[in-house]
PDB file of all heavy atoms in Angstrom:
ATOM      1  N   VAL A   1       8.275  -4.731  -2.414  1.00  0.00           N
ATOM      2  CA  VAL A   1       7.318  -3.802  -1.839  1.00  0.00           C
ATOM      3  C   VAL A   1       6.638  -3.026  -2.960  1.00  0.00           C
ATOM      4  O   VAL A   1       7.283  -2.604  -3.917  1.00  0.00           O
ATOM      5  CB  VAL A   1       8.027  -2.832  -0.866  1.00  0.00           C
ATOM      6  CG1 VAL A   1       7.092  -1.734  -0.421  1.00  0.00           C
ATOM      7  CG2 VAL A   1       8.581  -3.585   0.326  1.00  0.00           C
ATOM      8  N   ILE A   2       5.338  -2.856  -2.828  1.00  0.00           N
ATOM      9  CA  ILE A   2       4.554  -2.103  -3.800  1.00  0.00           C
ATOM     10  C   ILE A   2       4.324  -0.710  -3.238  1.00  0.00           C
ATOM     11  O   ILE A   2       3.919  -0.564  -2.081  1.00  0.00           O
ATOM     12  CB  ILE A   2       3.189  -2.787  -4.037  1.00  0.00           C
ATOM     13  CG1 ILE A   2       3.393  -4.230  -4.478  1.00  0.00           C
ATOM     14  CG2 ILE A   2       2.358  -2.003  -5.040  1.00  0.00           C
ATOM     15  CD1 ILE A   2       2.166  -5.086  -4.282  1.00  0.00           C
ATOM     16  N   HIS A   3       4.582   0.305  -4.033  1.00  0.00           N
ATOM     17  CA  HIS A   3       4.295   1.667  -3.597  1.00  0.00           C
ATOM     18  C   HIS A   3       2.831   1.946  -3.907  1.00  0.00           C
ATOM     19  O   HIS A   3       2.429   1.940  -5.070  1.00  0.00           O
ATOM     20  CB  HIS A   3       5.257   2.664  -4.256  1.00  0.00           C
ATOM     21  CG  HIS A   3       6.661   2.443  -3.792  1.00  0.00           C
ATOM     22  ND1 HIS A   3       7.127   2.893  -2.578  1.00  0.00           N
ATOM     23  CD2 HIS A   3       7.684   1.762  -4.345  1.00  0.00           C
ATOM     24  CE1 HIS A   3       8.372   2.512  -2.414  1.00  0.00           C
ATOM     25  NE2 HIS A   3       8.741   1.818  -3.479  1.00  0.00           N
ATOM     26  N   ILE A   4       2.054   2.147  -2.855  1.00  0.00           N
ATOM     27  CA  ILE A   4       0.609   2.298  -2.979  1.00  0.00           C
ATOM     28  C   ILE A   4       0.248   3.777  -3.082  1.00  0.00           C
ATOM     29  O   ILE A   4       0.719   4.600  -2.294  1.00  0.00           O
ATOM     30  CB  ILE A   4      -0.106   1.670  -1.761  1.00  0.00           C
ATOM     31  CG1 ILE A   4       0.256   0.180  -1.622  1.00  0.00           C
ATOM     32  CG2 ILE A   4      -1.611   1.876  -1.845  1.00  0.00           C
ATOM     33  CD1 ILE A   4      -0.178  -0.702  -2.752  1.00  0.00           C
ATOM     34  N   ASP A   5      -0.594   4.073  -4.048  1.00  0.00           N
ATOM     35  CA  ASP A   5      -1.149   5.418  -4.161  1.00  0.00           C
ATOM     36  C   ASP A   5      -2.640   5.295  -4.459  1.00  0.00           C
ATOM     37  O   ASP A   5      -3.166   4.179  -4.554  1.00  0.00           O
ATOM     38  CB  ASP A   5      -0.414   6.243  -5.230  1.00  0.00           C
ATOM     39  CG  ASP A   5      -0.485   5.629  -6.611  1.00  0.00           C
ATOM     40  OD1 ASP A   5      -1.490   4.961  -6.943  1.00  0.00           O
ATOM     41  OD2 ASP A   5       0.461   5.824  -7.394  1.00  0.00           O
ATOM     42  N   ARG A   6      -3.302   6.415  -4.606  1.00  0.00           N
ATOM     43  CA  ARG A   6      -4.752   6.347  -4.789  1.00  0.00           C
ATOM     44  C   ARG A   6      -5.131   5.692  -6.118  1.00  0.00           C
ATOM     45  O   ARG A   6      -6.218   5.161  -6.266  1.00  0.00           O
ATOM     46  CB  ARG A   6      -5.377   7.726  -4.651  1.00  0.00           C
ATOM     47  CG  ARG A   6      -5.027   8.685  -5.734  1.00  0.00           C
ATOM     48  CD  ARG A   6      -5.801   9.996  -5.555  1.00  0.00           C
ATOM     49  NE  ARG A   6      -5.644  10.816  -6.729  1.00  0.00           N
ATOM     50  CZ  ARG A   6      -4.840  11.853  -6.818  1.00  0.00           C
ATOM     51  NH1 ARG A   6      -4.126  12.211  -5.771  1.00  0.00           N
ATOM     52  NH2 ARG A   6      -4.750  12.537  -7.929  1.00  0.00           N
ATOM     53  N   ASN A   7      -4.206   5.683  -7.093  1.00  0.00           N
ATOM     54  CA  ASN A   7      -4.501   5.087  -8.391  1.00  0.00           C
ATOM     55  C   ASN A   7      -4.448   3.562  -8.382  1.00  0.00           C
ATOM     56  O   ASN A   7      -5.165   2.919  -9.140  1.00  0.00           O
ATOM     57  CB  ASN A   7      -3.538   5.624  -9.455  1.00  0.00           C
ATOM     58  CG  ASN A   7      -3.690   7.120  -9.650  1.00  0.00           C
ATOM     59  OD1 ASN A   7      -4.794   7.638  -9.657  1.00  0.00           O
ATOM     60  ND2 ASN A   7      -2.571   7.808  -9.763  1.00  0.00           N
ATOM     61  N   ASN A   8      -3.587   2.972  -7.547  1.00  0.00           N
ATOM     62  CA  ASN A   8      -3.479   1.513  -7.537  1.00  0.00           C
ATOM     63  C   ASN A   8      -4.037   0.884  -6.259  1.00  0.00           C
ATOM     64  O   ASN A   8      -3.969  -0.327  -6.090  1.00  0.00           O
ATOM     65  CB  ASN A   8      -2.035   1.065  -7.785  1.00  0.00           C
ATOM     66  CG  ASN A   8      -1.086   1.396  -6.644  1.00  0.00           C
ATOM     67  OD1 ASN A   8      -1.460   1.982  -5.628  1.00  0.00           O
ATOM     68  ND2 ASN A   8       0.179   1.034  -6.821  1.00  0.00           N
ATOM     69  N   PHE A   9      -4.576   1.695  -5.363  1.00  0.00           N
ATOM     70  CA  PHE A   9      -5.051   1.177  -4.077  1.00  0.00           C
ATOM     71  C   PHE A   9      -6.093   0.068  -4.242  1.00  0.00           C
ATOM     72  O   PHE A   9      -5.987  -0.991  -3.643  1.00  0.00           O
ATOM     73  CB  PHE A   9      -5.619   2.315  -3.217  1.00  0.00           C
ATOM     74  CG  PHE A   9      -6.148   1.849  -1.893  1.00  0.00           C
ATOM     75  CD1 PHE A   9      -5.291   1.535  -0.864  1.00  0.00           C
ATOM     76  CD2 PHE A   9      -7.513   1.693  -1.693  1.00  0.00           C
ATOM     77  CE1 PHE A   9      -5.765   1.076   0.353  1.00  0.00           C
ATOM     78  CE2 PHE A   9      -8.007   1.245  -0.478  1.00  0.00           C
ATOM     79  CZ  PHE A   9      -7.124   0.927   0.543  1.00  0.00           C
ATOM     80  N   ALA A  10      -7.097   0.297  -5.061  1.00  0.00           N
ATOM     81  CA  ALA A  10      -8.166  -0.702  -5.221  1.00  0.00           C
ATOM     82  C   ALA A  10      -7.616  -2.007  -5.782  1.00  0.00           C
ATOM     83  O   ALA A  10      -7.883  -3.090  -5.242  1.00  0.00           O
ATOM     84  CB  ALA A  10      -9.282  -0.159  -6.103  1.00  0.00           C
ATOM     85  N   SER A  11      -6.815  -1.928  -6.839  1.00  0.00           N
ATOM     86  CA  SER A  11      -6.326  -3.156  -7.469  1.00  0.00           C
ATOM     87  C   SER A  11      -5.297  -3.884  -6.606  1.00  0.00           C
ATOM     88  O   SER A  11      -5.310  -5.111  -6.528  1.00  0.00           O
ATOM     89  CB  SER A  11      -5.731  -2.855  -8.844  1.00  0.00           C
ATOM     90  OG  SER A  11      -4.621  -1.993  -8.740  1.00  0.00           O
ATOM     91  N   GLU A  12      -4.414  -3.153  -5.943  1.00  0.00           N
ATOM     92  CA  GLU A  12      -3.340  -3.783  -5.174  1.00  0.00           C
ATOM     93  C   GLU A  12      -3.754  -4.187  -3.752  1.00  0.00           C
ATOM     94  O   GLU A  12      -3.181  -5.116  -3.187  1.00  0.00           O
ATOM     95  CB  GLU A  12      -2.123  -2.855  -5.088  1.00  0.00           C
ATOM     96  CG  GLU A  12      -1.489  -2.542  -6.422  1.00  0.00           C
ATOM     97  CD  GLU A  12      -0.763  -3.721  -7.046  1.00  0.00           C
ATOM     98  OE1 GLU A  12      -0.654  -4.791  -6.411  1.00  0.00           O
ATOM     99  OE2 GLU A  12      -0.302  -3.572  -8.188  1.00  0.00           O
ATOM    100  N   VAL A  13      -4.714  -3.473  -3.177  1.00  0.00           N
ATOM    101  CA  VAL A  13      -5.080  -3.717  -1.775  1.00  0.00           C
ATOM    102  C   VAL A  13      -6.492  -4.303  -1.653  1.00  0.00           C
ATOM    103  O   VAL A  13      -6.673  -5.407  -1.162  1.00  0.00           O
ATOM    104  CB  VAL A  13      -4.953  -2.426  -0.940  1.00  0.00           C
ATOM    105  CG1 VAL A  13      -5.367  -2.677   0.505  1.00  0.00           C
ATOM    106  CG2 VAL A  13      -3.527  -1.895  -0.998  1.00  0.00           C
ATOM    107  N   LEU A  14      -7.475  -3.565  -2.091  1.00  0.00           N
ATOM    108  CA  LEU A  14      -8.865  -3.989  -1.892  1.00  0.00           C
ATOM    109  C   LEU A  14      -9.191  -5.292  -2.613  1.00  0.00           C
ATOM    110  O   LEU A  14      -9.943  -6.119  -2.101  1.00  0.00           O
ATOM    111  CB  LEU A  14      -9.836  -2.890  -2.333  1.00  0.00           C
ATOM    112  CG  LEU A  14      -9.800  -1.603  -1.516  1.00  0.00           C
ATOM    113  CD1 LEU A  14     -10.825  -0.611  -2.061  1.00  0.00           C
ATOM    114  CD2 LEU A  14     -10.043  -1.878  -0.042  1.00  0.00           C
ATOM    115  N   HIS A  15      -8.633  -5.486  -3.803  1.00  0.00           N
ATOM    116  CA  HIS A  15      -8.957  -6.671  -4.601  1.00  0.00           C
ATOM    117  C   HIS A  15      -7.861  -7.734  -4.562  1.00  0.00           C
ATOM    118  O   HIS A  15      -7.871  -8.657  -5.377  1.00  0.00           O
ATOM    119  CB  HIS A  15      -9.254  -6.263  -6.045  1.00  0.00           C
ATOM    120  CG  HIS A  15     -10.365  -5.269  -6.160  1.00  0.00           C
ATOM    121  ND1 HIS A  15     -11.642  -5.513  -5.710  1.00  0.00           N
ATOM    122  CD2 HIS A  15     -10.381  -4.012  -6.645  1.00  0.00           C
ATOM    123  CE1 HIS A  15     -12.403  -4.454  -5.923  1.00  0.00           C
ATOM    124  NE2 HIS A  15     -11.651  -3.516  -6.484  1.00  0.00           N
ATOM    125  N   SER A  16      -6.961  -7.629  -3.595  1.00  0.00           N
ATOM    126  CA  SER A  16      -5.870  -8.596  -3.477  1.00  0.00           C
ATOM    127  C   SER A  16      -6.416  -9.938  -2.996  1.00  0.00           C
ATOM    128  O   SER A  16      -7.276  -9.999  -2.118  1.00  0.00           O
ATOM    129  CB  SER A  16      -4.820  -8.095  -2.482  1.00  0.00           C
ATOM    130  OG  SER A  16      -3.842  -9.096  -2.273  1.00  0.00           O
ATOM    131  N   ASP A  17      -5.885 -11.010  -3.579  1.00  0.00           N
ATOM    132  CA  ASP A  17      -6.271 -12.355  -3.136  1.00  0.00           C
ATOM    133  C   ASP A  17      -5.423 -12.818  -1.953  1.00  0.00           C
ATOM    134  O   ASP A  17      -5.628 -13.898  -1.427  1.00  0.00           O
ATOM    135  CB  ASP A  17      -6.167 -13.348  -4.297  1.00  0.00           C
ATOM    136  CG  ASP A  17      -4.769 -13.393  -4.896  1.00  0.00           C
ATOM    137  OD1 ASP A  17      -3.951 -12.501  -4.597  1.00  0.00           O
ATOM    138  OD2 ASP A  17      -4.493 -14.328  -5.671  1.00  0.00           O
ATOM    139  N   LYS A  18      -4.479 -11.987  -1.522  1.00  0.00           N
ATOM    140  CA  LYS A  18      -3.613 -12.288  -0.376  1.00  0.00           C
ATOM    141  C   LYS A  18      -3.795 -11.197   0.676  1.00  0.00           C
ATOM    142  O   LYS A  18      -4.196 -10.080   0.353  1.00  0.00           O
ATOM    143  CB  LYS A  18      -2.145 -12.308  -0.801  1.00  0.00           C
ATOM    144  CG  LYS A  18      -1.808 -13.351  -1.828  1.00  0.00           C
ATOM    145  CD  LYS A  18      -0.350 -13.235  -2.230  1.00  0.00           C
ATOM    146  CE  LYS A  18      -0.007 -14.263  -3.290  1.00  0.00           C
ATOM    147  NZ  LYS A  18       1.394 -14.153  -3.715  1.00  0.00           N
ATOM    148  N   PRO A  19      -3.461 -11.495   1.928  1.00  0.00           N
ATOM    149  CA  PRO A  19      -3.438 -10.426   2.942  1.00  0.00           C
ATOM    150  C   PRO A  19      -2.435  -9.353   2.511  1.00  0.00           C
ATOM    151  O   PRO A  19      -1.438  -9.651   1.851  1.00  0.00           O
ATOM    152  CB  PRO A  19      -2.958 -11.129   4.216  1.00  0.00           C
ATOM    153  CG  PRO A  19      -3.181 -12.580   3.972  1.00  0.00           C
ATOM    154  CD  PRO A  19      -3.087 -12.794   2.491  1.00  0.00           C
ATOM    155  N   VAL A  20      -2.720  -8.106   2.879  1.00  0.00           N
ATOM    156  CA  VAL A  20      -1.854  -6.983   2.511  1.00  0.00           C
ATOM    157  C   VAL A  20      -1.377  -6.272   3.770  1.00  0.00           C
ATOM    158  O   VAL A  20      -2.191  -5.880   4.612  1.00  0.00           O
ATOM    159  CB  VAL A  20      -2.603  -5.981   1.607  1.00  0.00           C
ATOM    160  CG1 VAL A  20      -1.680  -4.833   1.210  1.00  0.00           C
ATOM    161  CG2 VAL A  20      -3.156  -6.671   0.365  1.00  0.00           C
ATOM    162  N   LEU A  21      -0.075  -6.126   3.893  1.00  0.00           N
ATOM    163  CA  LEU A  21       0.532  -5.343   4.972  1.00  0.00           C
ATOM    164  C   LEU A  21       0.849  -3.973   4.401  1.00  0.00           C
ATOM    165  O   LEU A  21       1.608  -3.857   3.435  1.00  0.00           O
ATOM    166  CB  LEU A  21       1.812  -6.017   5.477  1.00  0.00           C
ATOM    167  CG  LEU A  21       2.671  -5.216   6.458  1.00  0.00           C
ATOM    168  CD1 LEU A  21       1.911  -4.927   7.750  1.00  0.00           C
ATOM    169  CD2 LEU A  21       3.977  -5.950   6.746  1.00  0.00           C
ATOM    170  N   LEU A  22       0.238  -2.938   4.975  1.00  0.00           N
ATOM    171  CA  LEU A  22       0.490  -1.567   4.539  1.00  0.00           C
ATOM    172  C   LEU A  22       1.318  -0.838   5.586  1.00  0.00           C
ATOM    173  O   LEU A  22       0.999  -0.886   6.773  1.00  0.00           O
ATOM    174  CB  LEU A  22      -0.830  -0.816   4.346  1.00  0.00           C
ATOM    175  CG  LEU A  22      -1.714  -1.274   3.204  1.00  0.00           C
ATOM    176  CD1 LEU A  22      -3.038  -0.509   3.242  1.00  0.00           C
ATOM    177  CD2 LEU A  22      -1.024  -1.083   1.878  1.00  0.00           C
ATOM    178  N   ASP A  23       2.349  -0.166   5.132  1.00  0.00           N
ATOM    179  CA  ASP A  23       3.200   0.652   5.991  1.00  0.00           C
ATOM    180  C   ASP A  23       2.959   2.110   5.619  1.00  0.00           C
ATOM    181  O   ASP A  23       3.318   2.540   4.526  1.00  0.00           O
ATOM    182  CB  ASP A  23       4.663   0.265   5.755  1.00  0.00           C
ATOM    183  CG  ASP A  23       5.655   1.156   6.488  1.00  0.00           C
ATOM    184  OD1 ASP A  23       5.254   1.832   7.464  1.00  0.00           O
ATOM    185  OD2 ASP A  23       6.833   1.160   6.088  1.00  0.00           O
ATOM    186  N   PHE A  24       2.298   2.854   6.512  1.00  0.00           N
ATOM    187  CA  PHE A  24       2.099   4.292   6.319  1.00  0.00           C
ATOM    188  C   PHE A  24       3.307   4.990   6.917  1.00  0.00           C
ATOM    189  O   PHE A  24       3.577   4.847   8.112  1.00  0.00           O
ATOM    190  CB  PHE A  24       0.806   4.749   7.003  1.00  0.00           C
ATOM    191  CG  PHE A  24      -0.430   4.279   6.297  1.00  0.00           C
ATOM    192  CD1 PHE A  24      -0.963   3.030   6.558  1.00  0.00           C
ATOM    193  CD2 PHE A  24      -1.063   5.088   5.365  1.00  0.00           C
ATOM    194  CE1 PHE A  24      -2.107   2.592   5.909  1.00  0.00           C
ATOM    195  CE2 PHE A  24      -2.204   4.665   4.706  1.00  0.00           C
ATOM    196  CZ  PHE A  24      -2.726   3.414   4.978  1.00  0.00           C
ATOM    197  N   TRP A  25       4.034   5.770   6.104  1.00  0.00           N
ATOM    198  CA  TRP A  25       5.330   6.311   6.505  1.00  0.00           C
ATOM    199  C   TRP A  25       5.569   7.676   5.866  1.00  0.00           C
ATOM    200  O   TRP A  25       4.797   8.127   5.027  1.00  0.00           O
ATOM    201  CB  TRP A  25       6.439   5.350   6.077  1.00  0.00           C
ATOM    202  CG  TRP A  25       6.605   5.323   4.585  1.00  0.00           C
ATOM    203  CD1 TRP A  25       5.790   4.682   3.688  1.00  0.00           C
ATOM    204  CD2 TRP A  25       7.595   5.993   3.816  1.00  0.00           C
ATOM    205  NE1 TRP A  25       6.229   4.910   2.404  1.00  0.00           N
ATOM    206  CE2 TRP A  25       7.334   5.717   2.452  1.00  0.00           C
ATOM    207  CE3 TRP A  25       8.671   6.803   4.145  1.00  0.00           C
ATOM    208  CZ2 TRP A  25       8.121   6.222   1.425  1.00  0.00           C
ATOM    209  CZ3 TRP A  25       9.455   7.299   3.117  1.00  0.00           C
ATOM    210  CH2 TRP A  25       9.180   7.002   1.775  1.00  0.00           C
ATOM    211  N   ALA A  26       6.673   8.302   6.279  1.00  0.00           N
ATOM    212  CA  ALA A  26       7.161   9.539   5.648  1.00  0.00           C
ATOM    213  C   ALA A  26       8.681   9.536   5.735  1.00  0.00           C
ATOM    214  O   ALA A  26       9.257   8.974   6.672  1.00  0.00           O
ATOM    215  CB  ALA A  26       6.581  10.771   6.337  1.00  0.00           C
ATOM    216  N   SER A  27       9.319  10.201   4.786  1.00  0.00           N
ATOM    217  CA  SER A  27      10.784  10.182   4.714  1.00  0.00           C
ATOM    218  C   SER A  27      11.445  10.869   5.907  1.00  0.00           C
ATOM    219  O   SER A  27      12.563  10.532   6.277  1.00  0.00           O
ATOM    220  CB  SER A  27      11.253  10.825   3.413  1.00  0.00           C
ATOM    221  OG  SER A  27      10.794  12.159   3.344  1.00  0.00           O
ATOM    222  N   TRP A  28      10.758  11.826   6.539  1.00  0.00           N
ATOM    223  CA  TRP A  28      11.337  12.574   7.647  1.00  0.00           C
ATOM    224  C   TRP A  28      11.148  11.875   8.998  1.00  0.00           C
ATOM    225  O   TRP A  28      11.619  12.351  10.022  1.00  0.00           O
ATOM    226  CB  TRP A  28      10.702  13.967   7.721  1.00  0.00           C
ATOM    227  CG  TRP A  28       9.208  13.933   7.619  1.00  0.00           C
ATOM    228  CD1 TRP A  28       8.455  14.132   6.492  1.00  0.00           C
ATOM    229  CD2 TRP A  28       8.275  13.664   8.670  1.00  0.00           C
ATOM    230  NE1 TRP A  28       7.116  13.995   6.775  1.00  0.00           N
ATOM    231  CE2 TRP A  28       6.972  13.720   8.112  1.00  0.00           C
ATOM    232  CE3 TRP A  28       8.396  13.391  10.034  1.00  0.00           C
ATOM    233  CZ2 TRP A  28       5.818  13.491   8.862  1.00  0.00           C
ATOM    234  CZ3 TRP A  28       7.242  13.162  10.787  1.00  0.00           C
ATOM    235  CH2 TRP A  28       5.980  13.222  10.192  1.00  0.00           C
ATOM    236  N   CYS A  29      10.475  10.738   9.010  1.00  0.00           N
ATOM    237  CA  CYS A  29      10.096  10.040  10.252  1.00  0.00           C
ATOM    238  C   CYS A  29      11.178   9.030  10.649  1.00  0.00           C
ATOM    239  O   CYS A  29      11.381   8.043   9.950  1.00  0.00           O
ATOM    240  CB  CYS A  29       8.751   9.357  10.016  1.00  0.00           C
ATOM    241  SG  CYS A  29       8.287   8.140  11.252  1.00  0.00           S
ATOM    242  N   GLY A  30      11.857   9.283  11.769  1.00  0.00           N
ATOM    243  CA  GLY A  30      12.910   8.384  12.250  1.00  0.00           C
ATOM    244  C   GLY A  30      12.431   6.960  12.495  1.00  0.00           C
ATOM    245  O   GLY A  30      13.047   6.007  12.005  1.00  0.00           O
TER     246      GLY A  30
END
């Protein structure tokens, strides 16, 4: 799993040659 932040979003997600599954989450969320 890649930890996505605003610094790597373009390179890891927008310019990916593969489909990207993103999980938006928080540590306090059951």
